[in-house]
Amino acid sequence: MIATIMRASTTEGLRSLASLPGRLRARYRETAAERPDEEINFRVLSSFLATFVTVRLITHGIRGNWLPLKNVELGGKGGGQLHIHHLVWGILSLTGCGYLGLLRTGLTWRRRLAPVYGAGVALTFDEFALWLRLEDDYWSSEGRASVDAVIVLSALFGLAVASPLFWQRALDEVVKTGPQAVRAADSGSTGPTGLQASKGL
């Protein structure tokens, strides 16, 4: 009888632990449906940090020759090569996303933001040659400013998702899973042999 109860407790704890990822996904979708703005902030922060870490790893891997990748460069040997910095892809991505975002915004805000967007793109692309051929200070002491800027932006994005409903619900699921997982572990460590030993004591 005791062994049956222990097996049931262990099975319940393992099932609860195994179902945790699915329950977290369900909570995420539930929260996203109720508070779409929080999901957008969360996605921006996640993508921002993931991209920054990935790019840093890739650039260090290329510089240290421990990744089978090379810098993106244009031009032949005779005319010299132009190193295309990842800043270029970032600016192009922001330009495209900004334009598509305007198309999906309400008409009133579209009319207000369109001139600002147009002016911003003009100011940026008027300096196209500059940011395409900029000095490579990525590895110099001045390059530290890039890391500082990322830290500041991460903090600002983090404020937007400081206490979203999803994290509260996710914590509830983890808290509910914890005791069941602990009981399962205890049941596994105090099997019939363990019980007999404790009785002997």
N, C-alpha and C. Protein backbone atom coordinates (compact mmCIF):
# COMPACT_ATOMS: atom_id res chain seq x y z
N MET A 1 0.82 -1.21 0.00
CA MET A 1 0.00 0.00 0.00
C MET A 1 0.86 1.26 0.00
N ILE A 2 1.89 1.26 0.89
CA ILE A 2 2.79 2.42 0.95
C ILE A 2 3.52 2.61 -0.37
N ALA A 3 3.97 1.48 -0.95
CA ALA A 3 4.70 1.56 -2.22
C ALA A 3 3.81 2.12 -3.32
N THR A 4 2.52 1.75 -3.30
CA THR A 4 1.58 2.25 -4.31
C THR A 4 1.40 3.76 -4.17
N ILE A 5 1.26 4.24 -2.92
CA ILE A 5 1.11 5.68 -2.69
C ILE A 5 2.34 6.43 -3.13
N MET A 6 3.52 5.86 -2.84
CA MET A 6 4.77 6.52 -3.22
C MET A 6 4.91 6.59 -4.73
N ARG A 7 4.54 5.49 -5.41
CA ARG A 7 4.63 5.50 -6.88
C ARG A 7 3.68 6.53 -7.47
N ALA A 8 2.46 6.64 -6.89
CA ALA A 8 1.50 7.62 -7.38
C ALA A 8 2.00 9.04 -7.16
N SER A 9 2.62 9.29 -5.99
CA SER A 9 3.16 10.62 -5.71
C SER A 9 4.30 10.97 -6.66
N THR A 10 5.18 9.99 -6.92
CA THR A 10 6.29 10.21 -7.83
C THR A 10 5.80 10.50 -9.24
N THR A 11 4.82 9.70 -9.69
CA THR A 11 4.26 9.89 -11.03
C THR A 11 3.61 11.26 -11.17
N GLU A 12 2.86 11.67 -10.11
CA GLU A 12 2.21 12.98 -10.14
C GLU A 12 3.24 14.11 -10.23
N GLY A 13 4.33 14.00 -9.46
CA GLY A 13 5.36 15.03 -9.48
C GLY A 13 6.05 15.12 -10.82
N LEU A 14 6.35 13.96 -11.41
CA LEU A 14 7.02 13.95 -12.72
C LEU A 14 6.12 14.50 -13.81
N ARG A 15 4.85 14.14 -13.74
CA ARG A 15 3.90 14.66 -14.73
C ARG A 15 3.78 16.17 -14.62
N SER A 16 3.74 16.67 -13.38
CA SER A 16 3.65 18.11 -13.18
C SER A 16 4.87 18.82 -13.74
N LEU A 17 6.04 18.24 -13.51
CA LEU A 17 7.28 18.85 -14.01
C LEU A 17 7.33 18.81 -15.53
N ALA A 18 6.90 17.67 -16.12
CA ALA A 18 6.94 17.53 -17.57
C ALA A 18 5.94 18.46 -18.26
N SER A 19 4.83 18.76 -17.57
CA SER A 19 3.80 19.61 -18.19
C SER A 19 4.07 21.09 -17.99
N LEU A 20 5.12 21.45 -17.21
CA LEU A 20 5.39 22.86 -16.93
C LEU A 20 5.64 23.68 -18.19
N PRO A 21 6.48 23.24 -19.15
CA PRO A 21 6.68 24.06 -20.37
C PRO A 21 5.38 24.33 -21.12
N GLY A 22 4.53 23.30 -21.22
CA GLY A 22 3.26 23.50 -21.91
C GLY A 22 2.35 24.46 -21.19
N ARG A 23 2.34 24.39 -19.86
CA ARG A 23 1.51 25.31 -19.09
C ARG A 23 2.03 26.74 -19.18
N LEU A 24 3.36 26.90 -19.24
CA LEU A 24 3.93 28.24 -19.40
C LEU A 24 3.58 28.82 -20.76
N ARG A 25 3.62 27.97 -21.81
CA ARG A 25 3.22 28.45 -23.15
C ARG A 25 1.75 28.87 -23.15
N ALA A 26 0.91 28.09 -22.47
CA ALA A 26 -0.51 28.43 -22.42
C ALA A 26 -0.71 29.75 -21.68
N ARG A 27 0.02 29.95 -20.60
CA ARG A 27 -0.06 31.20 -19.86
C ARG A 27 0.40 32.38 -20.72
N TYR A 28 1.46 32.14 -21.52
CA TYR A 28 1.98 33.20 -22.39
C TYR A 28 0.92 33.62 -23.40
N ARG A 29 0.29 32.62 -24.05
CA ARG A 29 -0.74 32.94 -25.04
C ARG A 29 -1.93 33.63 -24.38
N GLU A 30 -2.30 33.17 -23.20
CA GLU A 30 -3.42 33.79 -22.48
C GLU A 30 -3.14 35.25 -22.16
N THR A 31 -1.92 35.51 -21.68
CA THR A 31 -1.55 36.88 -21.33
C THR A 31 -1.45 37.75 -22.58
N ALA A 32 -0.89 37.17 -23.67
CA ALA A 32 -0.74 37.93 -24.91
C ALA A 32 -2.11 38.36 -25.46
N ALA A 33 -3.10 37.49 -25.28
CA ALA A 33 -4.44 37.83 -25.77
C ALA A 33 -5.06 38.94 -24.92
N GLU A 34 -4.77 38.93 -23.60
CA GLU A 34 -5.35 39.93 -22.71
C GLU A 34 -4.59 41.26 -22.76
N ARG A 35 -3.26 41.17 -22.86
CA ARG A 35 -2.42 42.38 -22.83
C ARG A 35 -1.41 42.34 -23.98
N PRO A 36 -1.85 42.63 -25.19
CA PRO A 36 -0.95 42.54 -26.36
C PRO A 36 0.24 43.48 -26.28
N ASP A 37 0.08 44.63 -25.63
CA ASP A 37 1.20 45.58 -25.53
C ASP A 37 2.36 44.98 -24.72
N GLU A 38 2.03 44.24 -23.67
CA GLU A 38 3.07 43.61 -22.87
C GLU A 38 3.82 42.56 -23.69
N GLU A 39 3.09 41.83 -24.53
CA GLU A 39 3.75 40.82 -25.36
C GLU A 39 4.71 41.48 -26.34
N ILE A 40 4.29 42.61 -26.92
CA ILE A 40 5.16 43.32 -27.86
C ILE A 40 6.44 43.76 -27.16
N ASN A 41 6.30 44.34 -25.96
CA ASN A 41 7.49 44.75 -25.20
C ASN A 41 8.39 43.57 -24.89
N PHE A 42 7.79 42.46 -24.52
CA PHE A 42 8.56 41.25 -24.20
C PHE A 42 9.31 40.73 -25.42
N ARG A 43 8.63 40.74 -26.57
CA ARG A 43 9.27 40.27 -27.80
C ARG A 43 10.42 41.19 -28.22
N VAL A 44 10.22 42.50 -28.06
CA VAL A 44 11.29 43.44 -28.41
C VAL A 44 12.52 43.20 -27.53
N LEU A 45 12.30 43.10 -26.22
CA LEU A 45 13.42 42.89 -25.30
C LEU A 45 14.13 41.57 -25.56
N SER A 46 13.36 40.49 -25.77
CA SER A 46 13.95 39.17 -26.02
C SER A 46 14.79 39.17 -27.29
N SER A 47 14.22 39.74 -28.36
CA SER A 47 14.94 39.78 -29.64
C SER A 47 16.17 40.66 -29.54
N PHE A 48 16.04 41.79 -28.84
CA PHE A 48 17.16 42.72 -28.68
C PHE A 48 18.34 42.04 -27.98
N LEU A 49 18.08 41.40 -26.85
CA LEU A 49 19.15 40.75 -26.10
C LEU A 49 19.72 39.55 -26.83
N ALA A 50 18.84 38.73 -27.44
CA ALA A 50 19.31 37.55 -28.16
C ALA A 50 20.19 37.93 -29.35
N THR A 51 19.78 38.96 -30.08
CA THR A 51 20.56 39.40 -31.24
C THR A 51 21.90 39.97 -30.81
N PHE A 52 21.90 40.79 -29.75
CA PHE A 52 23.15 41.38 -29.27
C PHE A 52 24.14 40.29 -28.85
N VAL A 53 23.69 39.32 -28.06
CA VAL A 53 24.58 38.25 -27.60
C VAL A 53 25.08 37.41 -28.78
N THR A 54 24.17 37.11 -29.72
CA THR A 54 24.56 36.31 -30.89
C THR A 54 25.59 37.02 -31.74
N VAL A 55 25.36 38.31 -32.00
CA VAL A 55 26.30 39.08 -32.82
C VAL A 55 27.66 39.18 -32.14
N ARG A 56 27.66 39.40 -30.82
CA ARG A 56 28.93 39.47 -30.10
C ARG A 56 29.70 38.15 -30.20
N LEU A 57 29.00 37.04 -30.06
CA LEU A 57 29.64 35.73 -30.16
C LEU A 57 30.21 35.51 -31.57
N ILE A 58 29.43 35.89 -32.58
CA ILE A 58 29.88 35.69 -33.96
C ILE A 58 31.11 36.55 -34.25
N THR A 59 31.07 37.83 -33.84
CA THR A 59 32.21 38.71 -34.12
C THR A 59 33.47 38.24 -33.39
N HIS A 60 33.32 37.79 -32.16
CA HIS A 60 34.49 37.26 -31.44
C HIS A 60 34.97 35.96 -32.08
N GLY A 61 34.02 35.15 -32.57
CA GLY A 61 34.40 33.91 -33.23
C GLY A 61 35.17 34.16 -34.52
N ILE A 62 34.74 35.17 -35.29
CA ILE A 62 35.45 35.51 -36.53
C ILE A 62 36.83 36.07 -36.21
N ARG A 63 36.89 36.94 -35.22
CA ARG A 63 38.18 37.55 -34.86
C ARG A 63 39.15 36.52 -34.28
N GLY A 64 38.63 35.58 -33.50
CA GLY A 64 39.48 34.57 -32.89
C GLY A 64 39.68 33.33 -33.75
N ASN A 65 39.04 33.30 -34.92
CA ASN A 65 39.16 32.16 -35.86
C ASN A 65 38.69 30.84 -35.25
N TRP A 66 37.71 30.90 -34.36
CA TRP A 66 37.15 29.65 -33.84
C TRP A 66 35.74 29.40 -34.36
N LEU A 67 35.31 30.23 -35.32
CA LEU A 67 34.06 29.99 -36.05
C LEU A 67 34.37 29.97 -37.54
N PRO A 68 33.76 29.04 -38.28
CA PRO A 68 34.03 28.97 -39.73
C PRO A 68 33.24 30.01 -40.51
N LEU A 69 33.35 31.27 -40.08
CA LEU A 69 32.63 32.36 -40.73
C LEU A 69 33.61 33.47 -41.09
N LYS A 70 33.20 34.32 -42.01
CA LYS A 70 34.02 35.45 -42.44
C LYS A 70 33.18 36.72 -42.43
N ASN A 71 33.85 37.85 -42.39
CA ASN A 71 33.16 39.12 -42.50
C ASN A 71 32.54 39.28 -43.88
N VAL A 72 31.44 40.01 -43.96
CA VAL A 72 30.82 40.30 -45.26
C VAL A 72 31.58 41.46 -45.88
N GLU A 73 32.20 41.21 -47.04
CA GLU A 73 33.01 42.23 -47.68
C GLU A 73 32.69 42.29 -49.17
N LEU A 74 32.74 43.50 -49.69
CA LEU A 74 32.50 43.72 -51.11
C LEU A 74 33.77 44.24 -51.78
N GLY A 75 33.90 43.94 -53.07
CA GLY A 75 35.05 44.44 -53.82
C GLY A 75 36.12 43.37 -53.98
N GLY A 76 36.94 43.58 -55.00
CA GLY A 76 38.02 42.64 -55.28
C GLY A 76 39.32 43.06 -54.64
N LYS A 77 40.35 42.30 -54.91
CA LYS A 77 41.66 42.58 -54.33
C LYS A 77 42.25 43.88 -54.86
N GLY A 78 42.03 44.15 -56.16
CA GLY A 78 42.63 45.33 -56.76
C GLY A 78 42.05 46.64 -56.23
N GLY A 79 40.73 46.69 -56.12
CA GLY A 79 40.09 47.92 -55.68
C GLY A 79 39.90 48.03 -54.19
N GLY A 80 40.38 47.06 -53.45
CA GLY A 80 40.18 47.08 -52.00
C GLY A 80 38.81 46.53 -51.63
N GLN A 81 38.73 46.04 -50.42
CA GLN A 81 37.49 45.43 -49.97
C GLN A 81 36.75 46.35 -48.99
N LEU A 82 35.44 46.37 -49.12
CA LEU A 82 34.59 47.17 -48.25
C LEU A 82 33.91 46.25 -47.24
N HIS A 83 34.23 46.43 -45.97
CA HIS A 83 33.63 45.62 -44.90
C HIS A 83 32.24 46.15 -44.59
N ILE A 84 31.23 45.30 -44.77
CA ILE A 84 29.85 45.69 -44.48
C ILE A 84 29.58 45.38 -43.00
N HIS A 85 29.50 46.43 -42.18
CA HIS A 85 29.26 46.25 -40.75
C HIS A 85 27.81 45.83 -40.50
N HIS A 86 27.58 45.13 -39.37
CA HIS A 86 26.21 44.70 -39.10
C HIS A 86 25.30 45.89 -38.77
N LEU A 87 25.88 47.05 -38.52
CA LEU A 87 25.08 48.27 -38.38
C LEU A 87 24.22 48.50 -39.62
N VAL A 88 24.78 48.20 -40.79
CA VAL A 88 24.06 48.41 -42.05
C VAL A 88 22.77 47.59 -42.07
N TRP A 89 22.88 46.31 -41.68
CA TRP A 89 21.69 45.44 -41.68
C TRP A 89 20.68 45.93 -40.64
N GLY A 90 21.17 46.45 -39.54
CA GLY A 90 20.28 46.97 -38.52
C GLY A 90 19.49 48.18 -39.01
N ILE A 91 20.18 49.11 -39.68
CA ILE A 91 19.50 50.30 -40.20
C ILE A 91 18.49 49.92 -41.28
N LEU A 92 18.85 49.00 -42.14
CA LEU A 92 17.92 48.57 -43.19
C LEU A 92 16.70 47.88 -42.58
N SER A 93 16.92 47.07 -41.53
CA SER A 93 15.81 46.39 -40.86
C SER A 93 14.87 47.39 -40.21
N LEU A 94 15.45 48.39 -39.51
CA LEU A 94 14.62 49.41 -38.86
C LEU A 94 13.83 50.21 -39.89
N THR A 95 14.47 50.50 -41.03
CA THR A 95 13.79 51.27 -42.08
C THR A 95 12.59 50.50 -42.61
N GLY A 96 12.80 49.22 -42.91
CA GLY A 96 11.71 48.40 -43.44
C GLY A 96 10.59 48.19 -42.43
N CYS A 97 10.97 47.87 -41.17
CA CYS A 97 9.96 47.62 -40.13
C CYS A 97 9.18 48.90 -39.82
N GLY A 98 9.86 50.04 -39.82
CA GLY A 98 9.17 51.29 -39.56
C GLY A 98 8.12 51.59 -40.61
N TYR A 99 8.45 51.34 -41.86
CA TYR A 99 7.51 51.60 -42.94
C TYR A 99 6.32 50.65 -42.86
N LEU A 100 6.60 49.35 -42.64
CA LEU A 100 5.51 48.39 -42.53
C LEU A 100 4.64 48.68 -41.31
N GLY A 101 5.28 49.15 -40.21
CA GLY A 101 4.51 49.51 -39.03
C GLY A 101 3.56 50.65 -39.29
N LEU A 102 3.99 51.61 -40.09
CA LEU A 102 3.11 52.73 -40.45
C LEU A 102 1.88 52.25 -41.20
N LEU A 103 2.05 51.26 -42.06
CA LEU A 103 0.94 50.76 -42.85
C LEU A 103 -0.11 50.07 -41.99
N ARG A 104 0.32 49.54 -40.83
CA ARG A 104 -0.59 48.80 -39.96
C ARG A 104 -1.16 49.66 -38.83
N THR A 105 -0.76 50.91 -38.75
CA THR A 105 -1.21 51.79 -37.67
C THR A 105 -2.51 52.48 -38.07
N GLY A 106 -3.26 52.92 -37.06
CA GLY A 106 -4.50 53.65 -37.33
C GLY A 106 -4.23 54.90 -38.16
N LEU A 107 -5.23 55.32 -38.93
CA LEU A 107 -5.05 56.40 -39.89
C LEU A 107 -4.57 57.69 -39.22
N THR A 108 -5.12 58.01 -38.05
CA THR A 108 -4.74 59.25 -37.38
C THR A 108 -3.26 59.26 -37.05
N TRP A 109 -2.77 58.18 -36.46
CA TRP A 109 -1.35 58.11 -36.10
C TRP A 109 -0.47 57.95 -37.33
N ARG A 110 -1.01 57.31 -38.36
CA ARG A 110 -0.23 57.20 -39.60
C ARG A 110 0.08 58.59 -40.16
N ARG A 111 -0.91 59.44 -40.15
CA ARG A 111 -0.74 60.80 -40.70
C ARG A 111 0.24 61.61 -39.85
N ARG A 112 0.25 61.35 -38.53
CA ARG A 112 1.16 62.07 -37.65
C ARG A 112 2.60 61.56 -37.75
N LEU A 113 2.72 60.24 -37.84
CA LEU A 113 4.06 59.64 -37.81
C LEU A 113 4.75 59.62 -39.17
N ALA A 114 3.98 59.64 -40.25
CA ALA A 114 4.58 59.54 -41.59
C ALA A 114 5.61 60.64 -41.85
N PRO A 115 5.33 61.91 -41.54
CA PRO A 115 6.35 62.94 -41.77
C PRO A 115 7.60 62.74 -40.92
N VAL A 116 7.39 62.30 -39.67
CA VAL A 116 8.53 62.05 -38.77
C VAL A 116 9.38 60.91 -39.32
N TYR A 117 8.71 59.86 -39.77
CA TYR A 117 9.43 58.73 -40.35
C TYR A 117 10.20 59.15 -41.59
N GLY A 118 9.55 59.88 -42.47
CA GLY A 118 10.21 60.33 -43.70
C GLY A 118 11.42 61.19 -43.40
N ALA A 119 11.30 62.10 -42.42
CA ALA A 119 12.42 62.95 -42.06
C ALA A 119 13.56 62.13 -41.46
N GLY A 120 13.21 61.17 -40.62
CA GLY A 120 14.24 60.32 -40.01
C GLY A 120 15.00 59.51 -41.04
N VAL A 121 14.28 58.96 -42.00
CA VAL A 121 14.94 58.18 -43.06
C VAL A 121 15.84 59.08 -43.90
N ALA A 122 15.37 60.30 -44.18
CA ALA A 122 16.18 61.23 -44.97
C ALA A 122 17.47 61.60 -44.24
N LEU A 123 17.36 61.88 -42.93
CA LEU A 123 18.55 62.22 -42.15
C LEU A 123 19.53 61.05 -42.09
N THR A 124 19.01 59.85 -42.00
CA THR A 124 19.86 58.66 -41.90
C THR A 124 20.55 58.35 -43.22
N PHE A 125 19.78 58.33 -44.31
CA PHE A 125 20.35 57.91 -45.59
C PHE A 125 21.13 59.04 -46.28
N ASP A 126 20.96 60.26 -45.80
CA ASP A 126 21.83 61.33 -46.30
C ASP A 126 23.28 61.08 -45.90
N GLU A 127 23.46 60.29 -44.80
CA GLU A 127 24.80 59.92 -44.32
C GLU A 127 25.13 58.48 -44.69
N PHE A 128 24.50 57.97 -45.75
CA PHE A 128 24.69 56.56 -46.12
C PHE A 128 26.15 56.21 -46.31
N ALA A 129 26.88 57.04 -47.01
CA ALA A 129 28.30 56.75 -47.26
C ALA A 129 29.09 56.71 -45.95
N LEU A 130 28.69 57.53 -44.99
CA LEU A 130 29.40 57.58 -43.72
C LEU A 130 29.23 56.29 -42.93
N TRP A 131 27.96 55.84 -42.75
CA TRP A 131 27.78 54.64 -41.95
C TRP A 131 28.06 53.36 -42.72
N LEU A 132 28.23 53.47 -44.03
CA LEU A 132 28.66 52.30 -44.80
C LEU A 132 30.17 52.11 -44.71
N ARG A 133 30.91 53.22 -44.65
CA ARG A 133 32.38 53.16 -44.66
C ARG A 133 32.98 53.68 -43.35
N LEU A 134 32.25 53.57 -42.27
CA LEU A 134 32.71 54.16 -41.02
C LEU A 134 33.98 53.50 -40.50
N GLU A 135 34.68 54.24 -39.61
CA GLU A 135 35.89 53.70 -38.99
C GLU A 135 35.55 52.52 -38.11
N ASP A 136 36.37 51.49 -38.16
CA ASP A 136 36.10 50.28 -37.38
C ASP A 136 36.74 50.40 -36.00
N ASP A 137 35.94 50.94 -35.03
CA ASP A 137 36.45 51.06 -33.66
C ASP A 137 35.81 50.03 -32.74
N TYR A 138 35.29 48.96 -33.36
CA TYR A 138 34.57 47.93 -32.61
C TYR A 138 35.44 47.33 -31.51
N TRP A 139 36.74 47.15 -31.79
CA TRP A 139 37.63 46.48 -30.84
C TRP A 139 38.48 47.47 -30.05
N SER A 140 38.28 48.75 -30.26
CA SER A 140 39.05 49.75 -29.52
C SER A 140 38.33 50.14 -28.24
N SER A 141 38.98 50.98 -27.44
CA SER A 141 38.36 51.43 -26.20
C SER A 141 37.09 52.23 -26.48
N GLU A 142 37.06 52.94 -27.62
CA GLU A 142 35.87 53.70 -27.99
C GLU A 142 34.68 52.77 -28.25
N GLY A 143 34.99 51.54 -28.64
CA GLY A 143 33.92 50.58 -28.90
C GLY A 143 33.12 50.22 -27.66
N ARG A 144 33.67 50.53 -26.49
CA ARG A 144 32.95 50.28 -25.24
C ARG A 144 31.64 51.06 -25.20
N ALA A 145 31.58 52.17 -25.90
CA ALA A 145 30.35 52.97 -25.92
C ALA A 145 29.18 52.17 -26.46
N SER A 146 29.45 51.23 -27.39
CA SER A 146 28.38 50.39 -27.94
C SER A 146 27.78 49.52 -26.85
N VAL A 147 28.65 48.93 -26.01
CA VAL A 147 28.17 48.08 -24.92
C VAL A 147 27.37 48.91 -23.93
N ASP A 148 27.87 50.11 -23.62
CA ASP A 148 27.15 50.99 -22.69
C ASP A 148 25.76 51.33 -23.24
N ALA A 149 25.69 51.59 -24.53
CA ALA A 149 24.40 51.93 -25.14
C ALA A 149 23.44 50.75 -25.05
N VAL A 150 23.95 49.53 -25.26
CA VAL A 150 23.10 48.34 -25.17
C VAL A 150 22.59 48.15 -23.75
N ILE A 151 23.44 48.41 -22.76
CA ILE A 151 23.03 48.29 -21.36
C ILE A 151 21.90 49.27 -21.05
N VAL A 152 22.05 50.51 -21.52
CA VAL A 152 21.02 51.52 -21.28
C VAL A 152 19.71 51.14 -21.96
N LEU A 153 19.80 50.70 -23.23
CA LEU A 153 18.59 50.30 -23.94
C LEU A 153 17.93 49.09 -23.30
N SER A 154 18.74 48.13 -22.83
CA SER A 154 18.19 46.96 -22.16
C SER A 154 17.42 47.37 -20.92
N ALA A 155 17.97 48.34 -20.18
CA ALA A 155 17.29 48.82 -18.98
C ALA A 155 15.96 49.49 -19.34
N LEU A 156 15.96 50.29 -20.42
CA LEU A 156 14.74 50.97 -20.83
C LEU A 156 13.68 49.97 -21.30
N PHE A 157 14.12 48.98 -22.11
CA PHE A 157 13.19 47.94 -22.54
C PHE A 157 12.69 47.13 -21.34
N GLY A 158 13.60 46.90 -20.39
CA GLY A 158 13.24 46.13 -19.21
C GLY A 158 12.17 46.82 -18.39
N LEU A 159 12.22 48.14 -18.33
CA LEU A 159 11.19 48.88 -17.59
C LEU A 159 9.81 48.65 -18.19
N ALA A 160 9.79 48.47 -19.51
CA ALA A 160 8.50 48.26 -20.18
C ALA A 160 7.89 46.91 -19.84
N VAL A 161 8.72 45.95 -19.44
CA VAL A 161 8.22 44.61 -19.11
C VAL A 161 8.58 44.26 -17.67
N ALA A 162 8.62 45.26 -16.80
CA ALA A 162 9.08 45.05 -15.43
C ALA A 162 8.17 44.09 -14.66
N SER A 163 6.87 44.28 -14.73
CA SER A 163 5.94 43.44 -13.96
C SER A 163 4.75 43.01 -14.82
N PRO A 164 4.99 42.34 -15.92
CA PRO A 164 3.87 41.93 -16.76
C PRO A 164 3.09 40.79 -16.12
N LEU A 165 1.86 40.67 -16.54
CA LEU A 165 1.00 39.63 -16.02
C LEU A 165 1.55 38.24 -16.29
N PHE A 166 2.23 38.07 -17.44
CA PHE A 166 2.76 36.75 -17.78
C PHE A 166 3.74 36.25 -16.73
N TRP A 167 4.66 37.11 -16.27
CA TRP A 167 5.66 36.67 -15.29
C TRP A 167 4.99 36.27 -13.98
N GLN A 168 3.92 36.96 -13.59
CA GLN A 168 3.20 36.59 -12.38
C GLN A 168 2.57 35.21 -12.54
N ARG A 169 1.97 34.97 -13.70
CA ARG A 169 1.34 33.67 -13.93
C ARG A 169 2.39 32.57 -14.07
N ALA A 170 3.51 32.88 -14.73
CA ALA A 170 4.58 31.88 -14.88
C ALA A 170 5.13 31.48 -13.51
N LEU A 171 5.30 32.48 -12.63
CA LEU A 171 5.79 32.18 -11.29
C LEU A 171 4.80 31.31 -10.53
N ASP A 172 3.50 31.56 -10.71
CA ASP A 172 2.49 30.72 -10.06
C ASP A 172 2.62 29.26 -10.49
N GLU A 173 2.86 29.04 -11.80
CA GLU A 173 3.00 27.68 -12.31
C GLU A 173 4.25 27.00 -11.73
N VAL A 174 5.34 27.75 -11.66
CA VAL A 174 6.58 27.19 -11.12
C VAL A 174 6.41 26.86 -9.64
N VAL A 175 5.74 27.75 -8.90
CA VAL A 175 5.51 27.51 -7.47
C VAL A 175 4.65 26.27 -7.27
N LYS A 176 3.63 26.10 -8.12
CA LYS A 176 2.77 24.92 -8.00
C LYS A 176 3.54 23.64 -8.34
N THR A 177 4.48 23.74 -9.28
CA THR A 177 5.23 22.56 -9.70
C THR A 177 6.29 22.17 -8.68
N GLY A 178 6.89 23.16 -8.02
CA GLY A 178 7.99 22.91 -7.10
C GLY A 178 7.71 21.86 -6.04
N PRO A 179 6.66 22.03 -5.20
CA PRO A 179 6.40 21.05 -4.15
C PRO A 179 6.15 19.65 -4.67
N GLN A 180 5.46 19.55 -5.83
CA GLN A 180 5.20 18.23 -6.39
C GLN A 180 6.48 17.56 -6.85
N ALA A 181 7.39 18.34 -7.44
CA ALA A 181 8.66 17.78 -7.88
C ALA A 181 9.50 17.35 -6.68
N VAL A 182 9.45 18.16 -5.60
CA VAL A 182 10.20 17.80 -4.39
C VAL A 182 9.66 16.53 -3.78
N ARG A 183 8.33 16.41 -3.74
CA ARG A 183 7.73 15.19 -3.20
C ARG A 183 8.13 13.98 -4.03
N ALA A 184 8.18 14.17 -5.36
CA ALA A 184 8.58 13.07 -6.23
C ALA A 184 10.02 12.65 -5.94
N ALA A 185 10.89 13.64 -5.75
CA ALA A 185 12.29 13.33 -5.45
C ALA A 185 12.42 12.64 -4.10
N ASP A 186 11.66 13.11 -3.11
CA ASP A 186 11.71 12.49 -1.79
C ASP A 186 11.20 11.07 -1.84
N SER A 187 10.13 10.85 -2.63
CA SER A 187 9.59 9.51 -2.75
C SER A 187 10.59 8.56 -3.38
N GLY A 188 11.34 9.09 -4.36
CA GLY A 188 12.34 8.25 -5.01
C GLY A 188 13.48 7.90 -4.09
N SER A 189 13.85 8.83 -3.20
CA SER A 189 14.99 8.58 -2.31
C SER A 189 14.60 7.76 -1.10
N THR A 190 13.29 7.76 -0.75
CA THR A 190 12.84 6.97 0.40
C THR A 190 11.93 5.87 -0.09
N GLY A 191 12.49 4.97 -0.87
CA GLY A 191 11.76 3.82 -1.36
C GLY A 191 11.54 2.81 -0.24
N PRO A 192 11.09 1.60 -0.57
CA PRO A 192 10.86 0.59 0.44
C PRO A 192 12.10 0.34 1.28
N THR A 193 13.28 0.31 0.66
CA THR A 193 14.51 0.08 1.41
C THR A 193 14.76 1.20 2.39
N GLY A 194 14.53 2.44 1.92
CA GLY A 194 14.72 3.60 2.77
C GLY A 194 13.77 3.60 3.95
N LEU A 195 12.51 3.17 3.70
CA LEU A 195 11.53 3.10 4.77
C LEU A 195 11.95 2.10 5.81
N GLN A 196 12.44 0.94 5.35
CA GLN A 196 12.87 -0.10 6.27
C GLN A 196 14.04 0.38 7.11
N ALA A 197 14.93 1.13 6.48
CA ALA A 197 16.10 1.62 7.21
C ALA A 197 15.66 2.63 8.26
N SER A 198 14.67 3.49 7.91
CA SER A 198 14.23 4.49 8.88
C SER A 198 13.51 3.82 10.05
N LYS A 199 12.78 2.71 9.77
CA LYS A 199 12.12 1.99 10.85
C LYS A 199 13.16 1.36 11.76
N GLY A 200 14.25 0.86 11.15
CA GLY A 200 15.31 0.24 11.96
C GLY A 200 15.92 1.23 12.90
N LEU A 201 16.01 2.52 12.48
CA LEU A 201 16.54 3.55 13.35
C LEU A 201 15.59 3.81 14.50
